[in-house]
Amino acid sequence: MNFWTGLVILAVAAFFQNMAFTWTSRSRNSGDPAYHRFAAWSSNGVWFITQFFVWKTIWPILMNDLTLSSSGKLLLVAIVYILATTEGSVLMMKILLKRERGSRRVGALEQKSV
């Protein structure tokens, strides 16, 4: 796999990684443990797969002498990763704000105790 193909795959994986992470974070604050379990399995699974692509992309760069060109590639990987994870998180928050109902809503446990 060449650098550019790896970078695209990393971007897609990172996007889904943070969608799942945001889902898990929100589900943790809901009142539905089964919902949180499903979200956490998804998040941790996608995170594990994404780490493979992070290392597959940056390891060859790190194993070569760090030059201006390779440093630029590392910076590009960081920018793509940060952009993809941020946008994945924002998209999932928008989706969940529309879909969360009942005990799956953020703060559901706090609302019950009032």
PDB file of N, CA and C in Angstrom:
ATOM      1  N   MET A   1       0.851  -1.171   0.000  1.00  0.00           N
ATOM      2  CA  MET A   1       0.000   0.000   0.000  1.00  0.00           C
ATOM      3  C   MET A   1       0.897   1.235   0.000  1.00  0.00           C
ATOM      4  N   ASN A   2       0.627   2.137  -0.906  1.00  0.00           N
ATOM      5  CA  ASN A   2       1.450   3.344  -0.945  1.00  0.00           C
ATOM      6  C   ASN A   2       0.952   4.375   0.079  1.00  0.00           C
ATOM      7  N   PHE A   3       1.713   5.415   0.263  1.00  0.00           N
ATOM      8  CA  PHE A   3       1.432   6.425   1.278  1.00  0.00           C
ATOM      9  C   PHE A   3       0.049   7.045   1.090  1.00  0.00           C
ATOM     10  N   TRP A   4      -0.300   7.418  -0.121  1.00  0.00           N
ATOM     11  CA  TRP A   4      -1.556   8.126  -0.382  1.00  0.00           C
ATOM     12  C   TRP A   4      -2.771   7.229  -0.155  1.00  0.00           C
ATOM     13  N   THR A   5      -2.676   5.976  -0.559  1.00  0.00           N
ATOM     14  CA  THR A   5      -3.770   5.026  -0.300  1.00  0.00           C
ATOM     15  C   THR A   5      -3.937   4.831   1.204  1.00  0.00           C
ATOM     16  N   GLY A   6      -2.827   4.667   1.902  1.00  0.00           N
ATOM     17  CA  GLY A   6      -2.871   4.512   3.350  1.00  0.00           C
ATOM     18  C   GLY A   6      -3.466   5.723   4.037  1.00  0.00           C
ATOM     19  N   LEU A   7      -3.152   6.897   3.526  1.00  0.00           N
ATOM     20  CA  LEU A   7      -3.666   8.134   4.116  1.00  0.00           C
ATOM     21  C   LEU A   7      -5.185   8.225   3.950  1.00  0.00           C
ATOM     22  N   VAL A   8      -5.682   7.836   2.780  1.00  0.00           N
ATOM     23  CA  VAL A   8      -7.132   7.855   2.554  1.00  0.00           C
ATOM     24  C   VAL A   8      -7.831   6.839   3.465  1.00  0.00           C
ATOM     25  N   ILE A   9      -7.277   5.642   3.559  1.00  0.00           N
ATOM     26  CA  ILE A   9      -7.861   4.615   4.430  1.00  0.00           C
ATOM     27  C   ILE A   9      -7.823   5.084   5.883  1.00  0.00           C
ATOM     28  N   LEU A  10      -6.722   5.694   6.290  1.00  0.00           N
ATOM     29  CA  LEU A  10      -6.620   6.224   7.648  1.00  0.00           C
ATOM     30  C   LEU A  10      -7.688   7.284   7.889  1.00  0.00           C
ATOM     31  N   ALA A  11      -7.900   8.169   6.934  1.00  0.00           N
ATOM     32  CA  ALA A  11      -8.908   9.227   7.095  1.00  0.00           C
ATOM     33  C   ALA A  11     -10.297   8.635   7.301  1.00  0.00           C
ATOM     34  N   VAL A  12     -10.646   7.634   6.512  1.00  0.00           N
ATOM     35  CA  VAL A  12     -11.960   6.992   6.637  1.00  0.00           C
ATOM     36  C   VAL A  12     -12.078   6.278   7.987  1.00  0.00           C
ATOM     37  N   ALA A  13     -11.047   5.534   8.349  1.00  0.00           N
ATOM     38  CA  ALA A  13     -11.074   4.810   9.627  1.00  0.00           C
ATOM     39  C   ALA A  13     -11.162   5.785  10.791  1.00  0.00           C
ATOM     40  N   ALA A  14     -10.393   6.870  10.749  1.00  0.00           N
ATOM     41  CA  ALA A  14     -10.396   7.860  11.834  1.00  0.00           C
ATOM     42  C   ALA A  14     -11.752   8.556  11.937  1.00  0.00           C
ATOM     43  N   PHE A  15     -12.376   8.817  10.798  1.00  0.00           N
ATOM     44  CA  PHE A  15     -13.693   9.433  10.777  1.00  0.00           C
ATOM     45  C   PHE A  15     -14.691   8.553  11.534  1.00  0.00           C
ATOM     46  N   PHE A  16     -14.708   7.261  11.193  1.00  0.00           N
ATOM     47  CA  PHE A  16     -15.624   6.336  11.867  1.00  0.00           C
ATOM     48  C   PHE A  16     -15.218   6.091  13.317  1.00  0.00           C
ATOM     49  N   GLN A  17     -13.918   6.143  13.575  1.00  0.00           N
ATOM     50  CA  GLN A  17     -13.452   5.967  14.950  1.00  0.00           C
ATOM     51  C   GLN A  17     -14.059   7.023  15.855  1.00  0.00           C
ATOM     52  N   ASN A  18     -14.026   8.256  15.444  1.00  0.00           N
ATOM     53  CA  ASN A  18     -14.537   9.299  16.327  1.00  0.00           C
ATOM     54  C   ASN A  18     -16.047   9.390  16.318  1.00  0.00           C
ATOM     55  N   MET A  19     -16.681   8.931  15.249  1.00  0.00           N
ATOM     56  CA  MET A  19     -18.139   8.809  15.304  1.00  0.00           C
ATOM     57  C   MET A  19     -18.506   7.839  16.428  1.00  0.00           C
ATOM     58  N   ALA A  20     -17.823   6.693  16.452  1.00  0.00           N
ATOM     59  CA  ALA A  20     -18.103   5.682  17.479  1.00  0.00           C
ATOM     60  C   ALA A  20     -17.721   6.188  18.867  1.00  0.00           C
ATOM     61  N   PHE A  21     -16.621   6.912  18.961  1.00  0.00           N
ATOM     62  CA  PHE A  21     -16.192   7.448  20.257  1.00  0.00           C
ATOM     63  C   PHE A  21     -17.221   8.436  20.800  1.00  0.00           C
ATOM     64  N   THR A  22     -17.722   9.312  19.949  1.00  0.00           N
ATOM     65  CA  THR A  22     -18.723  10.290  20.378  1.00  0.00           C
ATOM     66  C   THR A  22     -19.996   9.582  20.823  1.00  0.00           C
ATOM     67  N   TRP A  23     -20.378   8.553  20.088  1.00  0.00           N
ATOM     68  CA  TRP A  23     -21.553   7.758  20.464  1.00  0.00           C
ATOM     69  C   TRP A  23     -21.335   7.152  21.852  1.00  0.00           C
ATOM     70  N   THR A  24     -20.155   6.583  22.083  1.00  0.00           N
ATOM     71  CA  THR A  24     -19.862   5.982  23.383  1.00  0.00           C
ATOM     72  C   THR A  24     -19.883   7.028  24.495  1.00  0.00           C
ATOM     73  N   SER A  25     -19.294   8.169  24.241  1.00  0.00           N
ATOM     74  CA  SER A  25     -19.260   9.227  25.254  1.00  0.00           C
ATOM     75  C   SER A  25     -20.663   9.668  25.632  1.00  0.00           C
ATOM     76  N   ARG A  26     -21.504   9.840  24.636  1.00  0.00           N
ATOM     77  CA  ARG A  26     -22.879  10.254  24.911  1.00  0.00           C
ATOM     78  C   ARG A  26     -23.660   9.129  25.586  1.00  0.00           C
ATOM     79  N   SER A  27     -23.460   7.889  25.138  1.00  0.00           N
ATOM     80  CA  SER A  27     -24.212   6.772  25.713  1.00  0.00           C
ATOM     81  C   SER A  27     -23.847   6.549  27.178  1.00  0.00           C
ATOM     82  N   ARG A  28     -22.612   6.874  27.531  1.00  0.00           N
ATOM     83  CA  ARG A  28     -22.163   6.737  28.921  1.00  0.00           C
ATOM     84  C   ARG A  28     -22.986   7.637  29.851  1.00  0.00           C
ATOM     85  N   ASN A  29     -23.488   8.722  29.314  1.00  0.00           N
ATOM     86  CA  ASN A  29     -24.272   9.673  30.101  1.00  0.00           C
ATOM     87  C   ASN A  29     -25.775   9.469  29.934  1.00  0.00           C
ATOM     88  N   SER A  30     -26.149   8.336  29.352  1.00  0.00           N
ATOM     89  CA  SER A  30     -27.567   8.017  29.207  1.00  0.00           C
ATOM     90  C   SER A  30     -27.993   7.145  30.382  1.00  0.00           C
ATOM     91  N   GLY A  31     -29.195   6.629  30.312  1.00  0.00           N
ATOM     92  CA  GLY A  31     -29.673   5.747  31.359  1.00  0.00           C
ATOM     93  C   GLY A  31     -29.851   4.321  30.872  1.00  0.00           C
ATOM     94  N   ASP A  32     -29.139   3.945  29.815  1.00  0.00           N
ATOM     95  CA  ASP A  32     -29.330   2.638  29.192  1.00  0.00           C
ATOM     96  C   ASP A  32     -27.991   1.903  29.081  1.00  0.00           C
ATOM     97  N   PRO A  33     -27.637   1.048  30.051  1.00  0.00           N
ATOM     98  CA  PRO A  33     -26.350   0.346  30.025  1.00  0.00           C
ATOM     99  C   PRO A  33     -26.162  -0.560  28.805  1.00  0.00           C
ATOM    100  N   ALA A  34     -27.220  -1.193  28.329  1.00  0.00           N
ATOM    101  CA  ALA A  34     -27.096  -2.061  27.147  1.00  0.00           C
ATOM    102  C   ALA A  34     -26.735  -1.241  25.909  1.00  0.00           C
ATOM    103  N   TYR A  35     -27.320  -0.073  25.808  1.00  0.00           N
ATOM    104  CA  TYR A  35     -27.011   0.848  24.706  1.00  0.00           C
ATOM    105  C   TYR A  35     -25.542   1.262  24.780  1.00  0.00           C
ATOM    106  N   HIS A  36     -25.079   1.576  25.996  1.00  0.00           N
ATOM    107  CA  HIS A  36     -23.680   1.957  26.171  1.00  0.00           C
ATOM    108  C   HIS A  36     -22.741   0.795  25.830  1.00  0.00           C
ATOM    109  N   ARG A  37     -23.103  -0.427  26.223  1.00  0.00           N
ATOM    110  CA  ARG A  37     -22.265  -1.589  25.919  1.00  0.00           C
ATOM    111  C   ARG A  37     -22.071  -1.724  24.403  1.00  0.00           C
ATOM    112  N   PHE A  38     -23.149  -1.611  23.653  1.00  0.00           N
ATOM    113  CA  PHE A  38     -23.071  -1.727  22.193  1.00  0.00           C
ATOM    114  C   PHE A  38     -22.209  -0.609  21.606  1.00  0.00           C
ATOM    115  N   ALA A  39     -22.400   0.606  22.109  1.00  0.00           N
ATOM    116  CA  ALA A  39     -21.606   1.737  21.638  1.00  0.00           C
ATOM    117  C   ALA A  39     -20.124   1.547  21.975  1.00  0.00           C
ATOM    118  N   ALA A  40     -19.834   1.068  23.180  1.00  0.00           N
ATOM    119  CA  ALA A  40     -18.441   0.879  23.598  1.00  0.00           C
ATOM    120  C   ALA A  40     -17.758  -0.216  22.781  1.00  0.00           C
ATOM    121  N   TRP A  41     -18.452  -1.318  22.520  1.00  0.00           N
ATOM    122  CA  TRP A  41     -17.882  -2.365  21.660  1.00  0.00           C
ATOM    123  C   TRP A  41     -17.552  -1.795  20.287  1.00  0.00           C
ATOM    124  N   SER A  42     -18.451  -1.014  19.751  1.00  0.00           N
ATOM    125  CA  SER A  42     -18.215  -0.413  18.434  1.00  0.00           C
ATOM    126  C   SER A  42     -17.020   0.522  18.465  1.00  0.00           C
ATOM    127  N   SER A  43     -16.982   1.381  19.465  1.00  0.00           N
ATOM    128  CA  SER A  43     -15.894   2.352  19.571  1.00  0.00           C
ATOM    129  C   SER A  43     -14.538   1.679  19.731  1.00  0.00           C
ATOM    130  N   ASN A  44     -14.458   0.716  20.642  1.00  0.00           N
ATOM    131  CA  ASN A  44     -13.181   0.058  20.882  1.00  0.00           C
ATOM    132  C   ASN A  44     -12.736  -0.781  19.686  1.00  0.00           C
ATOM    133  N   GLY A  45     -13.674  -1.386  18.997  1.00  0.00           N
ATOM    134  CA  GLY A  45     -13.335  -2.151  17.795  1.00  0.00           C
ATOM    135  C   GLY A  45     -12.796  -1.272  16.686  1.00  0.00           C
ATOM    136  N   VAL A  46     -13.467  -0.153  16.444  1.00  0.00           N
ATOM    137  CA  VAL A  46     -13.009   0.764  15.392  1.00  0.00           C
ATOM    138  C   VAL A  46     -11.680   1.396  15.792  1.00  0.00           C
ATOM    139  N   TRP A  47     -11.514   1.715  17.084  1.00  0.00           N
ATOM    140  CA  TRP A  47     -10.239   2.280  17.543  1.00  0.00           C
ATOM    141  C   TRP A  47      -9.092   1.306  17.257  1.00  0.00           C
ATOM    142  N   PHE A  48      -9.302   0.021  17.573  1.00  0.00           N
ATOM    143  CA  PHE A  48      -8.263  -0.974  17.367  1.00  0.00           C
ATOM    144  C   PHE A  48      -7.871  -1.060  15.884  1.00  0.00           C
ATOM    145  N   ILE A  49      -8.841  -1.093  15.014  1.00  0.00           N
ATOM    146  CA  ILE A  49      -8.570  -1.147  13.573  1.00  0.00           C
ATOM    147  C   ILE A  49      -7.852   0.127  13.115  1.00  0.00           C
ATOM    148  N   THR A  50      -8.292   1.267  13.610  1.00  0.00           N
ATOM    149  CA  THR A  50      -7.683   2.535  13.214  1.00  0.00           C
ATOM    150  C   THR A  50      -6.214   2.604  13.618  1.00  0.00           C
ATOM    151  N   GLN A  51      -5.871   2.058  14.772  1.00  0.00           N
ATOM    152  CA  GLN A  51      -4.472   2.080  15.203  1.00  0.00           C
ATOM    153  C   GLN A  51      -3.568   1.344  14.221  1.00  0.00           C
ATOM    154  N   PHE A  52      -4.068   0.287  13.636  1.00  0.00           N
ATOM    155  CA  PHE A  52      -3.310  -0.429  12.609  1.00  0.00           C
ATOM    156  C   PHE A  52      -2.963   0.517  11.463  1.00  0.00           C
ATOM    157  N   PHE A  53      -3.941   1.290  11.005  1.00  0.00           N
ATOM    158  CA  PHE A  53      -3.697   2.198   9.885  1.00  0.00           C
ATOM    159  C   PHE A  53      -2.842   3.394  10.278  1.00  0.00           C
ATOM    160  N   VAL A  54      -2.947   3.837  11.525  1.00  0.00           N
ATOM    161  CA  VAL A  54      -2.066   4.910  11.990  1.00  0.00           C
ATOM    162  C   VAL A  54      -0.617   4.434  11.887  1.00  0.00           C
ATOM    163  N   TRP A  55      -0.345   3.263  12.466  1.00  0.00           N
ATOM    164  CA  TRP A  55       1.026   2.758  12.458  1.00  0.00           C
ATOM    165  C   TRP A  55       1.475   2.350  11.060  1.00  0.00           C
ATOM    166  N   LYS A  56       0.576   1.804  10.263  1.00  0.00           N
ATOM    167  CA  LYS A  56       0.925   1.405   8.888  1.00  0.00           C
ATOM    168  C   LYS A  56       1.335   2.637   8.077  1.00  0.00           C
ATOM    169  N   THR A  57       0.742   3.771   8.391  1.00  0.00           N
ATOM    170  CA  THR A  57       1.033   5.009   7.664  1.00  0.00           C
ATOM    171  C   THR A  57       2.302   5.689   8.177  1.00  0.00           C
ATOM    172  N   ILE A  58       2.471   5.754   9.503  1.00  0.00           N
ATOM    173  CA  ILE A  58       3.605   6.530  10.021  1.00  0.00           C
ATOM    174  C   ILE A  58       4.869   5.710  10.252  1.00  0.00           C
ATOM    175  N   TRP A  59       4.747   4.405  10.459  1.00  0.00           N
ATOM    176  CA  TRP A  59       5.932   3.606  10.765  1.00  0.00           C
ATOM    177  C   TRP A  59       6.992   3.686   9.662  1.00  0.00           C
ATOM    178  N   PRO A  60       6.623   3.518   8.384  1.00  0.00           N
ATOM    179  CA  PRO A  60       7.653   3.625   7.341  1.00  0.00           C
ATOM    180  C   PRO A  60       8.348   4.991   7.323  1.00  0.00           C
ATOM    181  N   ILE A  61       7.593   6.025   7.638  1.00  0.00           N
ATOM    182  CA  ILE A  61       8.192   7.365   7.678  1.00  0.00           C
ATOM    183  C   ILE A  61       9.189   7.457   8.822  1.00  0.00           C
ATOM    184  N   LEU A  62       8.811   6.933   9.981  1.00  0.00           N
ATOM    185  CA  LEU A  62       9.689   7.005  11.146  1.00  0.00           C
ATOM    186  C   LEU A  62      10.937   6.135  11.002  1.00  0.00           C
ATOM    187  N   MET A  63      10.831   5.061  10.228  1.00  0.00           N
ATOM    188  CA  MET A  63      11.960   4.145  10.068  1.00  0.00           C
ATOM    189  C   MET A  63      13.007   4.670   9.092  1.00  0.00           C
ATOM    190  N   ASN A  64      12.631   5.636   8.271  1.00  0.00           N
ATOM    191  CA  ASN A  64      13.593   6.278   7.376  1.00  0.00           C
ATOM    192  C   ASN A  64      14.203   7.473   8.103  1.00  0.00           C
ATOM    193  N   ASP A  65      15.277   7.974   7.569  1.00  0.00           N
ATOM    194  CA  ASP A  65      15.841   9.187   8.156  1.00  0.00           C
ATOM    195  C   ASP A  65      14.816  10.307   8.038  1.00  0.00           C
ATOM    196  N   LEU A  66      14.613  10.998   9.139  1.00  0.00           N
ATOM    197  CA  LEU A  66      13.653  12.089   9.095  1.00  0.00           C
ATOM    198  C   LEU A  66      14.238  13.246   8.295  1.00  0.00           C
ATOM    199  N   THR A  67      13.639  13.474   7.168  1.00  0.00           N
ATOM    200  CA  THR A  67      14.040  14.575   6.300  1.00  0.00           C
ATOM    201  C   THR A  67      12.905  15.586   6.281  1.00  0.00           C
ATOM    202  N   LEU A  68      13.119  16.679   5.585  1.00  0.00           N
ATOM    203  CA  LEU A  68      12.066  17.675   5.449  1.00  0.00           C
ATOM    204  C   LEU A  68      10.851  17.060   4.765  1.00  0.00           C
ATOM    205  N   SER A  69      11.081  16.224   3.772  1.00  0.00           N
ATOM    206  CA  SER A  69       9.992  15.573   3.055  1.00  0.00           C
ATOM    207  C   SER A  69       9.216  14.624   3.959  1.00  0.00           C
ATOM    208  N   SER A  70       9.910  13.794   4.723  1.00  0.00           N
ATOM    209  CA  SER A  70       9.219  12.850   5.606  1.00  0.00           C
ATOM    210  C   SER A  70       8.546  13.578   6.761  1.00  0.00           C
ATOM    211  N   SER A  71       9.134  14.661   7.239  1.00  0.00           N
ATOM    212  CA  SER A  71       8.499  15.456   8.290  1.00  0.00           C
ATOM    213  C   SER A  71       7.195  16.063   7.774  1.00  0.00           C
ATOM    214  N   GLY A  72       7.197  16.461   6.517  1.00  0.00           N
ATOM    215  CA  GLY A  72       5.974  16.980   5.897  1.00  0.00           C
ATOM    216  C   GLY A  72       4.902  15.912   5.820  1.00  0.00           C
ATOM    217  N   LYS A  73       5.312  14.670   5.530  1.00  0.00           N
ATOM    218  CA  LYS A  73       4.345  13.571   5.488  1.00  0.00           C
ATOM    219  C   LYS A  73       3.756  13.308   6.866  1.00  0.00           C
ATOM    220  N   LEU A  74       4.593  13.347   7.891  1.00  0.00           N
ATOM    221  CA  LEU A  74       4.089  13.163   9.257  1.00  0.00           C
ATOM    222  C   LEU A  74       3.093  14.260   9.623  1.00  0.00           C
ATOM    223  N   LEU A  75       3.406  15.483   9.255  1.00  0.00           N
ATOM    224  CA  LEU A  75       2.502  16.599   9.515  1.00  0.00           C
ATOM    225  C   LEU A  75       1.182  16.398   8.775  1.00  0.00           C
ATOM    226  N   LEU A  76       1.256  15.940   7.529  1.00  0.00           N
ATOM    227  CA  LEU A  76       0.054  15.677   6.743  1.00  0.00           C
ATOM    228  C   LEU A  76      -0.795  14.580   7.389  1.00  0.00           C
ATOM    229  N   VAL A  77      -0.152  13.519   7.857  1.00  0.00           N
ATOM    230  CA  VAL A  77      -0.883  12.445   8.551  1.00  0.00           C
ATOM    231  C   VAL A  77      -1.593  13.016   9.778  1.00  0.00           C
ATOM    232  N   ALA A  78      -0.915  13.840  10.543  1.00  0.00           N
ATOM    233  CA  ALA A  78      -1.509  14.436  11.743  1.00  0.00           C
ATOM    234  C   ALA A  78      -2.707  15.314  11.381  1.00  0.00           C
ATOM    235  N   ILE A  79      -2.567  16.129  10.362  1.00  0.00           N
ATOM    236  CA  ILE A  79      -3.655  17.022   9.949  1.00  0.00           C
ATOM    237  C   ILE A  79      -4.856  16.214   9.468  1.00  0.00           C
ATOM    238  N   VAL A  80      -4.612  15.209   8.639  1.00  0.00           N
ATOM    239  CA  VAL A  80      -5.702  14.368   8.135  1.00  0.00           C
ATOM    240  C   VAL A  80      -6.387  13.651   9.284  1.00  0.00           C
ATOM    241  N   TYR A  81      -5.616  13.102  10.213  1.00  0.00           N
ATOM    242  CA  TYR A  81      -6.181  12.397  11.357  1.00  0.00           C
ATOM    243  C   TYR A  81      -7.047  13.332  12.197  1.00  0.00           C
ATOM    244  N   ILE A  82      -6.533  14.503  12.516  1.00  0.00           N
ATOM    245  CA  ILE A  82      -7.261  15.463  13.346  1.00  0.00           C
ATOM    246  C   ILE A  82      -8.528  15.942  12.645  1.00  0.00           C
ATOM    247  N   LEU A  83      -8.428  16.236  11.368  1.00  0.00           N
ATOM    248  CA  LEU A  83      -9.592  16.675  10.599  1.00  0.00           C
ATOM    249  C   LEU A  83     -10.662  15.585  10.532  1.00  0.00           C
ATOM    250  N   ALA A  84     -10.246  14.362  10.224  1.00  0.00           N
ATOM    251  CA  ALA A  84     -11.196  13.258  10.097  1.00  0.00           C
ATOM    252  C   ALA A  84     -11.867  12.938  11.426  1.00  0.00           C
ATOM    253  N   THR A  85     -11.094  12.909  12.511  1.00  0.00           N
ATOM    254  CA  THR A  85     -11.695  12.585  13.811  1.00  0.00           C
ATOM    255  C   THR A  85     -12.632  13.699  14.284  1.00  0.00           C
ATOM    256  N   THR A  86     -12.256  14.931  14.047  1.00  0.00           N
ATOM    257  CA  THR A  86     -13.112  16.055  14.443  1.00  0.00           C
ATOM    258  C   THR A  86     -14.435  16.022  13.694  1.00  0.00           C
ATOM    259  N   GLU A  87     -14.371  15.874  12.387  1.00  0.00           N
ATOM    260  CA  GLU A  87     -15.595  15.888  11.581  1.00  0.00           C
ATOM    261  C   GLU A  87     -16.453  14.655  11.841  1.00  0.00           C
ATOM    262  N   GLY A  88     -15.836  13.515  12.114  1.00  0.00           N
ATOM    263  CA  GLY A  88     -16.603  12.327  12.485  1.00  0.00           C
ATOM    264  C   GLY A  88     -17.365  12.539  13.779  1.00  0.00           C
ATOM    265  N   SER A  89     -16.710  13.163  14.745  1.00  0.00           N
ATOM    266  CA  SER A  89     -17.340  13.438  16.030  1.00  0.00           C
ATOM    267  C   SER A  89     -18.500  14.415  15.886  1.00  0.00           C
ATOM    268  N   VAL A  90     -18.290  15.479  15.132  1.00  0.00           N
ATOM    269  CA  VAL A  90     -19.343  16.484  14.947  1.00  0.00           C
ATOM    270  C   VAL A  90     -20.544  15.881  14.219  1.00  0.00           C
ATOM    271  N   LEU A  91     -20.293  15.097  13.183  1.00  0.00           N
ATOM    272  CA  LEU A  91     -21.391  14.465  12.455  1.00  0.00           C
ATOM    273  C   LEU A  91     -22.186  13.537  13.370  1.00  0.00           C
ATOM    274  N   MET A  92     -21.503  12.726  14.165  1.00  0.00           N
ATOM    275  CA  MET A  92     -22.224  11.807  15.048  1.00  0.00           C
ATOM    276  C   MET A  92     -23.021  12.567  16.099  1.00  0.00           C
ATOM    277  N   MET A  93     -22.487  13.664  16.610  1.00  0.00           N
ATOM    278  CA  MET A  93     -23.249  14.445  17.582  1.00  0.00           C
ATOM    279  C   MET A  93     -24.533  14.962  16.944  1.00  0.00           C
ATOM    280  N   LYS A  94     -24.448  15.460  15.721  1.00  0.00           N
ATOM    281  CA  LYS A  94     -25.642  15.949  15.019  1.00  0.00           C
ATOM    282  C   LYS A  94     -26.663  14.828  14.839  1.00  0.00           C
ATOM    283  N   ILE A  95     -26.184  13.649  14.453  1.00  0.00           N
ATOM    284  CA  ILE A  95     -27.080  12.502  14.255  1.00  0.00           C
ATOM    285  C   ILE A  95     -27.753  12.116  15.565  1.00  0.00           C
ATOM    286  N   LEU A  96     -26.956  12.025  16.626  1.00  0.00           N
ATOM    287  CA  LEU A  96     -27.495  11.578  17.909  1.00  0.00           C
ATOM    288  C   LEU A  96     -28.440  12.599  18.534  1.00  0.00           C
ATOM    289  N   LEU A  97     -28.187  13.876  18.339  1.00  0.00           N
ATOM    290  CA  LEU A  97     -29.099  14.888  18.865  1.00  0.00           C
ATOM    291  C   LEU A  97     -30.498  14.719  18.283  1.00  0.00           C
ATOM    292  N   LYS A  98     -30.576  14.246  17.052  1.00  0.00           N
ATOM    293  CA  LYS A  98     -31.879  14.020  16.414  1.00  0.00           C
ATOM    294  C   LYS A  98     -32.506  12.687  16.820  1.00  0.00           C
ATOM    295  N   ARG A  99     -31.683  11.685  17.178  1.00  0.00           N
ATOM    296  CA  ARG A  99     -32.181  10.326  17.397  1.00  0.00           C
ATOM    297  C   ARG A  99     -32.375   9.921  18.847  1.00  0.00           C
ATOM    298  N   GLU A 100     -31.658  10.518  19.761  1.00  0.00           N
ATOM    299  CA  GLU A 100     -31.719  10.068  21.154  1.00  0.00           C
ATOM    300  C   GLU A 100     -33.094  10.364  21.758  1.00  0.00           C
ATOM    301  N   ARG A 101     -33.686   9.314  22.315  1.00  0.00           N
ATOM    302  CA  ARG A 101     -34.998   9.418  22.945  1.00  0.00           C
ATOM    303  C   ARG A 101     -34.990   8.626  24.248  1.00  0.00           C
ATOM    304  N   GLY A 102     -35.880   8.977  25.147  1.00  0.00           N
ATOM    305  CA  GLY A 102     -36.066   8.209  26.369  1.00  0.00           C
ATOM    306  C   GLY A 102     -34.794   8.043  27.180  1.00  0.00           C
ATOM    307  N   SER A 103     -34.539   6.791  27.609  1.00  0.00           N
ATOM    308  CA  SER A 103     -33.388   6.521  28.471  1.00  0.00           C
ATOM    309  C   SER A 103     -32.062   6.634  27.722  1.00  0.00           C
ATOM    310  N   ARG A 104     -32.114   6.727  26.401  1.00  0.00           N
ATOM    311  CA  ARG A 104     -30.878   6.872  25.620  1.00  0.00           C
ATOM    312  C   ARG A 104     -30.436   8.322  25.476  1.00  0.00           C
ATOM    313  N   ARG A 105     -31.251   9.248  25.905  1.00  0.00           N
ATOM    314  CA  ARG A 105     -30.878  10.657  25.843  1.00  0.00           C
ATOM    315  C   ARG A 105     -29.802  10.969  26.871  1.00  0.00           C
ATOM    316  N   VAL A 106     -28.894  11.858  26.522  1.00  0.00           N
ATOM    317  CA  VAL A 106     -27.874  12.305  27.469  1.00  0.00           C
ATOM    318  C   VAL A 106     -28.577  12.951  28.653  1.00  0.00           C
ATOM    319  N   GLY A 107     -28.176  12.553  29.853  1.00  0.00           N
ATOM    320  CA  GLY A 107     -28.759  13.097  31.073  1.00  0.00           C
ATOM    321  C   GLY A 107     -30.033  12.400  31.509  1.00  0.00           C
ATOM    322  N   ALA A 108     -30.361  11.265  30.911  1.00  0.00           N
ATOM    323  CA  ALA A 108     -31.614  10.570  31.247  1.00  0.00           C
ATOM    324  C   ALA A 108     -31.664  10.184  32.719  1.00  0.00           C
ATOM    325  N   LEU A 109     -30.558   9.765  33.292  1.00  0.00           N
ATOM    326  CA  LEU A 109     -30.553   9.385  34.715  1.00  0.00           C
ATOM    327  C   LEU A 109     -30.770  10.612  35.606  1.00  0.00           C
ATOM    328  N   GLU A 110     -30.193  11.731  35.244  1.00  0.00           N
ATOM    329  CA  GLU A 110     -30.343  12.950  36.037  1.00  0.00           C
ATOM    330  C   GLU A 110     -31.785  13.436  35.987  1.00  0.00           C
ATOM    331  N   GLN A 111     -32.439  13.273  34.851  1.00  0.00           N
ATOM    332  CA  GLN A 111     -33.825  13.705  34.707  1.00  0.00           C
ATOM    333  C   GLN A 111     -34.753  12.867  35.574  1.00  0.00           C
ATOM    334  N   LYS A 112     -34.429  11.574  35.766  1.00  0.00           N
ATOM    335  CA  LYS A 112     -35.257  10.685  36.588  1.00  0.00           C
ATOM    336  C   LYS A 112     -35.205  11.066  38.061  1.00  0.00           C
ATOM    337  N   SER A 113     -34.034  11.542  38.518  1.00  0.00           N
ATOM    338  CA  SER A 113     -33.864  11.823  39.943  1.00  0.00           C
ATOM    339  C   SER A 113     -34.428  13.178  40.342  1.00  0.00           C
ATOM    340  N   VAL A 114     -34.870  13.964  39.411  1.00  0.00           N
ATOM    341  CA  VAL A 114     -35.406  15.308  39.743  1.00  0.00           C
ATOM    342  C   VAL A 114     -36.801  15.219  40.254  1.00  0.00           C
TER     343      VAL A 114
END
